[in-house]
């Protein structure tokens, strides 16, 4: 597997509006990235005020079979005030990205949030979503 990832934090914009990624240009970029043999994409709840995950759905998940790419997303820990909210955010992220599972699910901004609120979930194994087919 090639080891270069496509980060979806700073995308081309429509009219310099941070909340409006240029989806046509992004689709072209994703097509080229996949055409060159790369597969790993990285997004997060906060990127482009949630529009990065929506762009993943539109430009990647809706256009390619799930086996064609790997996707990483990040738990928006700063938004989670009780452990029971973890599943709600996780499911929302799956839906926003248009996938049934994440290949990687990272904890975003853990050090600052943990120090501030001392609330790191004790177990992520109970998260819903399908396991990767190859596991």
N, C-alpha and C. Protein backbone atom coordinates (compact mmCIF):
# COMPACT_ATOMS: atom_id res chain seq x y z
N UNK A 1 0.84 -1.18 0.00
CA UNK A 1 0.00 0.00 0.00
C UNK A 1 0.88 1.24 0.00
N UNK A 2 0.53 2.19 -0.83
CA UNK A 2 1.25 3.45 -0.85
C UNK A 2 0.96 4.20 0.44
N UNK A 3 1.92 4.96 0.91
CA UNK A 3 1.82 5.54 2.25
C UNK A 3 1.61 7.04 2.27
N UNK A 4 0.94 7.56 1.27
CA UNK A 4 0.61 8.98 1.25
C UNK A 4 -0.88 9.12 1.49
N UNK A 5 -1.27 10.03 2.37
CA UNK A 5 -2.68 10.24 2.66
C UNK A 5 -3.18 11.56 2.11
N UNK A 6 -4.48 11.61 1.90
CA UNK A 6 -5.15 12.82 1.40
C UNK A 6 -5.88 13.46 2.57
N UNK A 7 -5.33 14.55 3.10
CA UNK A 7 -5.97 15.26 4.20
C UNK A 7 -7.03 16.21 3.69
N UNK A 8 -8.19 16.18 4.34
CA UNK A 8 -9.33 16.98 3.89
C UNK A 8 -9.60 18.17 4.82
N UNK A 9 -8.53 18.73 5.37
CA UNK A 9 -8.68 19.86 6.28
C UNK A 9 -8.69 21.20 5.54
N UNK A 10 -7.87 21.34 4.55
CA UNK A 10 -7.78 22.59 3.79
C UNK A 10 -8.09 22.30 2.32
N UNK A 11 -9.34 22.51 1.95
CA UNK A 11 -9.80 22.18 0.61
C UNK A 11 -9.94 23.45 -0.23
N UNK A 12 -9.94 23.28 -1.55
CA UNK A 12 -10.24 24.45 -2.39
C UNK A 12 -11.65 24.95 -2.07
N UNK A 13 -11.85 26.25 -2.16
CA UNK A 13 -13.11 26.86 -1.72
C UNK A 13 -13.87 27.53 -2.86
N UNK A 14 -15.17 27.65 -2.67
CA UNK A 14 -16.01 28.45 -3.55
C UNK A 14 -16.07 29.86 -2.94
N UNK A 15 -15.69 30.86 -3.72
CA UNK A 15 -15.72 32.26 -3.29
C UNK A 15 -15.01 32.50 -1.95
N UNK A 16 -13.93 31.80 -1.72
CA UNK A 16 -13.16 31.95 -0.48
C UNK A 16 -13.98 31.74 0.79
N UNK A 17 -15.06 30.98 0.68
CA UNK A 17 -15.92 30.69 1.83
C UNK A 17 -15.49 29.36 2.45
N UNK A 18 -14.95 29.43 3.66
CA UNK A 18 -14.41 28.24 4.35
C UNK A 18 -15.45 27.13 4.52
N UNK A 19 -16.72 27.48 4.53
CA UNK A 19 -17.77 26.47 4.71
C UNK A 19 -18.27 25.89 3.40
N UNK A 20 -17.65 26.29 2.27
CA UNK A 20 -18.07 25.79 0.98
C UNK A 20 -16.90 25.25 0.17
N UNK A 21 -16.48 24.02 0.47
CA UNK A 21 -15.43 23.42 -0.36
C UNK A 21 -15.90 23.31 -1.81
N UNK A 22 -14.99 23.54 -2.72
CA UNK A 22 -15.28 23.42 -4.15
C UNK A 22 -15.34 21.93 -4.50
N UNK A 23 -16.55 21.41 -4.53
CA UNK A 23 -16.73 19.96 -4.71
C UNK A 23 -16.30 19.49 -6.09
N UNK A 24 -16.49 20.28 -7.12
CA UNK A 24 -16.05 19.87 -8.46
C UNK A 24 -14.54 19.69 -8.48
N UNK A 25 -13.83 20.67 -7.94
CA UNK A 25 -12.37 20.57 -7.91
C UNK A 25 -11.93 19.43 -7.00
N UNK A 26 -12.61 19.26 -5.87
CA UNK A 26 -12.26 18.17 -4.96
C UNK A 26 -12.49 16.81 -5.62
N UNK A 27 -13.59 16.65 -6.32
CA UNK A 27 -13.84 15.38 -7.01
C UNK A 27 -12.71 15.08 -8.00
N UNK A 28 -12.27 16.09 -8.73
CA UNK A 28 -11.16 15.91 -9.67
C UNK A 28 -9.89 15.51 -8.94
N UNK A 29 -9.63 16.13 -7.80
CA UNK A 29 -8.43 15.81 -7.01
C UNK A 29 -8.50 14.37 -6.49
N UNK A 30 -9.65 13.97 -6.00
CA UNK A 30 -9.83 12.61 -5.48
C UNK A 30 -9.68 11.59 -6.61
N UNK A 31 -10.25 11.89 -7.76
CA UNK A 31 -10.12 10.99 -8.91
C UNK A 31 -8.65 10.76 -9.25
N UNK A 32 -7.87 11.83 -9.30
CA UNK A 32 -6.45 11.74 -9.63
C UNK A 32 -5.69 10.97 -8.55
N UNK A 33 -5.99 11.26 -7.30
CA UNK A 33 -5.33 10.59 -6.17
C UNK A 33 -5.54 9.07 -6.26
N UNK A 34 -6.79 8.66 -6.48
CA UNK A 34 -7.09 7.23 -6.59
C UNK A 34 -6.49 6.63 -7.86
N UNK A 35 -6.53 7.37 -8.96
CA UNK A 35 -5.96 6.91 -10.22
C UNK A 35 -4.47 6.61 -10.08
N UNK A 36 -3.79 7.37 -9.23
CA UNK A 36 -2.35 7.18 -9.01
C UNK A 36 -2.05 6.07 -8.00
N UNK A 37 -3.10 5.42 -7.49
CA UNK A 37 -2.89 4.26 -6.62
C UNK A 37 -2.93 4.54 -5.13
N UNK A 38 -3.27 5.75 -4.74
CA UNK A 38 -3.37 6.08 -3.32
C UNK A 38 -4.79 5.82 -2.84
N UNK A 39 -4.96 5.55 -1.52
CA UNK A 39 -6.28 5.16 -1.02
C UNK A 39 -6.69 5.77 0.30
N UNK A 40 -5.79 6.39 1.03
CA UNK A 40 -6.06 6.82 2.40
C UNK A 40 -6.54 8.28 2.45
N UNK A 41 -7.71 8.51 3.08
CA UNK A 41 -8.30 9.83 3.22
C UNK A 41 -8.53 10.12 4.70
N UNK A 42 -8.33 11.38 5.09
CA UNK A 42 -8.43 11.77 6.49
C UNK A 42 -9.31 13.00 6.60
N UNK A 43 -10.37 12.90 7.44
CA UNK A 43 -11.27 14.02 7.65
C UNK A 43 -11.54 14.16 9.15
N UNK A 44 -12.33 15.14 9.51
CA UNK A 44 -12.71 15.33 10.91
C UNK A 44 -13.96 16.20 10.99
N UNK A 45 -14.65 16.08 12.10
CA UNK A 45 -15.89 16.82 12.36
C UNK A 45 -15.73 18.32 12.11
N UNK A 46 -14.62 18.89 12.56
CA UNK A 46 -14.44 20.34 12.54
C UNK A 46 -13.96 20.89 11.20
N UNK A 47 -13.41 20.05 10.34
CA UNK A 47 -12.84 20.55 9.09
C UNK A 47 -13.94 21.19 8.24
N UNK A 48 -13.73 22.41 7.87
CA UNK A 48 -14.69 23.18 7.06
C UNK A 48 -16.08 23.18 7.69
N UNK A 49 -16.11 23.32 9.01
CA UNK A 49 -17.38 23.36 9.75
C UNK A 49 -18.30 22.20 9.40
N UNK A 50 -17.73 21.01 9.30
CA UNK A 50 -18.50 19.80 9.01
C UNK A 50 -18.64 19.51 7.53
N UNK A 51 -18.28 20.45 6.70
CA UNK A 51 -18.46 20.25 5.26
C UNK A 51 -17.40 19.33 4.65
N UNK A 52 -16.31 19.09 5.35
CA UNK A 52 -15.32 18.14 4.86
C UNK A 52 -15.92 16.73 4.85
N UNK A 53 -16.60 16.36 5.93
CA UNK A 53 -17.24 15.03 5.96
C UNK A 53 -18.31 14.92 4.87
N UNK A 54 -19.09 15.97 4.67
CA UNK A 54 -20.11 15.97 3.62
C UNK A 54 -19.46 15.85 2.23
N UNK A 55 -18.33 16.49 2.05
CA UNK A 55 -17.61 16.41 0.78
C UNK A 55 -17.05 15.01 0.56
N UNK A 56 -16.63 14.34 1.64
CA UNK A 56 -16.18 12.95 1.53
C UNK A 56 -17.31 12.08 0.97
N UNK A 57 -18.50 12.28 1.51
CA UNK A 57 -19.65 11.50 1.03
C UNK A 57 -19.89 11.76 -0.45
N UNK A 58 -19.97 13.03 -0.81
CA UNK A 58 -20.32 13.38 -2.19
C UNK A 58 -19.22 13.02 -3.20
N UNK A 59 -17.97 13.30 -2.87
CA UNK A 59 -16.89 13.14 -3.84
C UNK A 59 -16.17 11.80 -3.77
N UNK A 60 -16.37 11.07 -2.69
CA UNK A 60 -15.67 9.79 -2.53
C UNK A 60 -16.65 8.63 -2.33
N UNK A 61 -17.36 8.64 -1.22
CA UNK A 61 -18.21 7.49 -0.87
C UNK A 61 -19.34 7.25 -1.87
N UNK A 62 -19.94 8.32 -2.39
CA UNK A 62 -21.04 8.16 -3.35
C UNK A 62 -20.55 7.80 -4.75
N UNK A 63 -19.26 7.93 -5.00
CA UNK A 63 -18.73 7.74 -6.35
C UNK A 63 -17.83 6.52 -6.51
N UNK A 64 -17.39 5.94 -5.40
CA UNK A 64 -16.47 4.81 -5.47
C UNK A 64 -16.94 3.69 -4.56
N UNK A 65 -16.64 2.44 -4.92
CA UNK A 65 -16.98 1.33 -4.00
C UNK A 65 -16.17 1.47 -2.71
N UNK A 66 -16.73 1.04 -1.62
CA UNK A 66 -16.08 1.19 -0.31
C UNK A 66 -14.71 0.51 -0.28
N UNK A 67 -14.54 -0.53 -1.05
CA UNK A 67 -13.25 -1.24 -1.07
C UNK A 67 -12.14 -0.44 -1.76
N UNK A 68 -12.49 0.67 -2.42
CA UNK A 68 -11.50 1.45 -3.17
C UNK A 68 -10.72 2.43 -2.31
N UNK A 69 -11.15 2.63 -1.06
CA UNK A 69 -10.49 3.65 -0.24
C UNK A 69 -10.48 3.27 1.23
N UNK A 70 -9.57 3.91 1.95
CA UNK A 70 -9.50 3.84 3.42
C UNK A 70 -9.85 5.22 3.93
N UNK A 71 -10.60 5.26 5.03
CA UNK A 71 -11.02 6.55 5.57
C UNK A 71 -10.75 6.62 7.06
N UNK A 72 -10.22 7.75 7.47
CA UNK A 72 -10.02 8.02 8.90
C UNK A 72 -10.86 9.23 9.26
N UNK A 73 -11.48 9.16 10.41
CA UNK A 73 -12.19 10.31 10.97
C UNK A 73 -11.75 10.43 12.42
N UNK A 74 -12.20 11.48 13.06
CA UNK A 74 -11.73 11.76 14.42
C UNK A 74 -12.89 12.05 15.35
N UNK A 75 -12.80 11.48 16.54
CA UNK A 75 -13.80 11.73 17.57
C UNK A 75 -13.68 13.19 18.02
N UNK A 76 -14.77 13.97 17.92
CA UNK A 76 -14.71 15.36 18.35
C UNK A 76 -14.85 15.46 19.86
N UNK A 77 -13.83 15.04 20.55
CA UNK A 77 -13.88 14.88 22.01
C UNK A 77 -14.32 16.15 22.74
N UNK A 78 -13.95 17.30 22.20
CA UNK A 78 -14.29 18.56 22.87
C UNK A 78 -15.81 18.78 22.91
N UNK A 79 -16.55 18.16 22.01
CA UNK A 79 -18.01 18.30 21.98
C UNK A 79 -18.73 17.29 22.86
N UNK A 80 -18.02 16.28 23.30
CA UNK A 80 -18.64 15.20 24.06
C UNK A 80 -18.59 15.54 25.54
N UNK A 81 -19.76 15.64 26.14
CA UNK A 81 -19.84 16.03 27.55
C UNK A 81 -20.12 14.85 28.46
N UNK A 82 -20.59 13.75 27.89
CA UNK A 82 -20.77 12.52 28.66
C UNK A 82 -20.52 11.35 27.73
N UNK A 83 -20.04 10.28 28.28
CA UNK A 83 -19.63 9.14 27.47
C UNK A 83 -20.76 8.61 26.59
N UNK A 84 -21.98 8.74 27.03
CA UNK A 84 -23.11 8.24 26.25
C UNK A 84 -23.27 8.98 24.91
N UNK A 85 -22.68 10.16 24.78
CA UNK A 85 -22.78 10.91 23.53
C UNK A 85 -21.82 10.40 22.46
N UNK A 86 -20.86 9.61 22.85
CA UNK A 86 -19.87 9.10 21.91
C UNK A 86 -20.53 8.39 20.74
N UNK A 87 -21.45 7.50 21.01
CA UNK A 87 -22.11 6.74 19.94
C UNK A 87 -22.90 7.66 19.01
N UNK A 88 -23.55 8.66 19.57
CA UNK A 88 -24.34 9.60 18.75
C UNK A 88 -23.44 10.33 17.75
N UNK A 89 -22.31 10.85 18.23
CA UNK A 89 -21.39 11.53 17.32
C UNK A 89 -20.80 10.57 16.29
N UNK A 90 -20.44 9.39 16.74
CA UNK A 90 -19.86 8.39 15.84
C UNK A 90 -20.83 8.06 14.70
N UNK A 91 -22.09 7.80 15.05
CA UNK A 91 -23.09 7.47 14.03
C UNK A 91 -23.34 8.64 13.09
N UNK A 92 -23.35 9.84 13.63
CA UNK A 92 -23.52 11.03 12.79
C UNK A 92 -22.37 11.16 11.81
N UNK A 93 -21.16 10.89 12.27
CA UNK A 93 -20.00 10.96 11.38
C UNK A 93 -20.07 9.91 10.28
N UNK A 94 -20.47 8.70 10.63
CA UNK A 94 -20.63 7.67 9.60
C UNK A 94 -21.61 8.15 8.53
N UNK A 95 -22.72 8.70 8.97
CA UNK A 95 -23.75 9.19 8.05
C UNK A 95 -23.23 10.35 7.21
N UNK A 96 -22.58 11.30 7.85
CA UNK A 96 -22.07 12.46 7.11
C UNK A 96 -21.05 12.04 6.06
N UNK A 97 -20.25 11.02 6.35
CA UNK A 97 -19.24 10.53 5.40
C UNK A 97 -19.81 9.54 4.38
N UNK A 98 -21.00 9.02 4.66
CA UNK A 98 -21.62 8.08 3.72
C UNK A 98 -21.00 6.71 3.74
N UNK A 99 -20.48 6.29 4.89
CA UNK A 99 -19.85 4.97 5.01
C UNK A 99 -20.47 4.18 6.16
N UNK A 100 -20.24 2.87 6.13
CA UNK A 100 -20.74 1.99 7.19
C UNK A 100 -19.71 1.78 8.29
N UNK A 101 -18.46 2.08 8.00
CA UNK A 101 -17.40 1.91 9.00
C UNK A 101 -16.24 2.83 8.64
N UNK A 102 -15.42 3.12 9.65
CA UNK A 102 -14.18 3.84 9.44
C UNK A 102 -13.03 2.85 9.55
N UNK A 103 -12.04 3.02 8.71
CA UNK A 103 -10.86 2.17 8.81
C UNK A 103 -10.01 2.59 10.01
N UNK A 104 -10.04 3.87 10.31
CA UNK A 104 -9.33 4.41 11.46
C UNK A 104 -10.23 5.45 12.11
N UNK A 105 -10.29 5.42 13.43
CA UNK A 105 -11.06 6.41 14.17
C UNK A 105 -10.16 6.95 15.26
N UNK A 106 -9.76 8.20 15.10
CA UNK A 106 -8.77 8.80 15.97
C UNK A 106 -9.43 9.70 17.01
N UNK A 107 -8.75 9.92 18.10
CA UNK A 107 -9.23 10.84 19.11
C UNK A 107 -8.61 12.20 18.81
N UNK A 108 -9.44 13.19 18.55
CA UNK A 108 -9.01 14.51 18.12
C UNK A 108 -8.82 15.42 19.33
N UNK A 109 -7.65 16.03 19.44
CA UNK A 109 -7.38 17.01 20.48
C UNK A 109 -7.50 16.42 21.88
N UNK A 110 -7.02 15.21 22.05
CA UNK A 110 -7.19 14.51 23.32
C UNK A 110 -6.44 15.18 24.47
N UNK A 111 -5.22 15.59 24.25
CA UNK A 111 -4.42 16.11 25.35
C UNK A 111 -5.04 17.34 25.98
N UNK A 112 -5.40 18.31 25.14
CA UNK A 112 -5.98 19.54 25.67
C UNK A 112 -7.34 19.26 26.33
N UNK A 113 -8.17 18.48 25.65
CA UNK A 113 -9.50 18.18 26.19
C UNK A 113 -9.42 17.37 27.46
N UNK A 114 -8.57 16.39 27.47
CA UNK A 114 -8.44 15.54 28.65
C UNK A 114 -7.94 16.34 29.84
N UNK A 115 -6.99 17.20 29.59
CA UNK A 115 -6.45 18.01 30.68
C UNK A 115 -7.52 18.97 31.21
N UNK A 116 -8.31 19.50 30.30
CA UNK A 116 -9.33 20.47 30.67
C UNK A 116 -10.52 19.80 31.36
N UNK A 117 -10.92 18.66 30.86
CA UNK A 117 -12.16 18.06 31.35
C UNK A 117 -11.99 16.69 31.99
N UNK A 118 -10.81 16.11 31.86
CA UNK A 118 -10.53 14.78 32.41
C UNK A 118 -11.62 13.79 32.03
N UNK A 119 -11.86 13.65 30.73
CA UNK A 119 -12.93 12.77 30.27
C UNK A 119 -12.53 12.01 29.00
N UNK A 120 -11.68 11.09 29.14
CA UNK A 120 -11.33 10.22 28.02
C UNK A 120 -12.21 8.99 28.13
N UNK A 121 -12.94 8.64 27.06
CA UNK A 121 -13.78 7.45 27.13
C UNK A 121 -12.96 6.23 27.52
N UNK A 122 -13.53 5.41 28.36
CA UNK A 122 -12.81 4.24 28.84
C UNK A 122 -12.80 3.11 27.83
N UNK A 123 -13.78 3.07 26.94
CA UNK A 123 -13.81 1.99 25.97
C UNK A 123 -14.43 2.47 24.67
N UNK A 124 -13.73 2.24 23.59
CA UNK A 124 -14.27 2.55 22.27
C UNK A 124 -14.78 1.29 21.59
N UNK A 125 -14.60 0.14 22.22
CA UNK A 125 -14.96 -1.12 21.58
C UNK A 125 -16.46 -1.29 21.41
N UNK A 126 -17.26 -0.53 22.13
CA UNK A 126 -18.70 -0.67 22.03
C UNK A 126 -19.30 0.18 20.92
N UNK A 127 -18.46 0.92 20.19
CA UNK A 127 -18.99 1.75 19.11
C UNK A 127 -19.67 0.87 18.06
N UNK A 128 -20.80 1.34 17.53
CA UNK A 128 -21.48 0.58 16.49
C UNK A 128 -20.74 0.72 15.17
N UNK A 129 -21.31 0.21 14.15
CA UNK A 129 -20.68 0.25 12.83
C UNK A 129 -20.14 -1.12 12.52
N UNK A 130 -20.07 -1.40 11.27
CA UNK A 130 -19.62 -2.71 10.84
C UNK A 130 -18.12 -2.80 10.94
N UNK A 131 -17.67 -3.99 11.21
CA UNK A 131 -16.22 -4.22 11.18
C UNK A 131 -15.78 -4.27 9.73
N UNK A 132 -14.55 -3.93 9.50
CA UNK A 132 -14.02 -4.03 8.14
C UNK A 132 -14.20 -5.45 7.65
N UNK A 133 -14.59 -5.62 6.39
CA UNK A 133 -14.84 -6.95 5.85
C UNK A 133 -13.64 -7.88 5.89
N UNK A 134 -12.44 -7.33 5.88
CA UNK A 134 -11.24 -8.16 5.84
C UNK A 134 -10.74 -8.54 7.22
N UNK A 135 -11.45 -8.16 8.28
CA UNK A 135 -11.02 -8.50 9.64
C UNK A 135 -11.71 -9.76 10.13
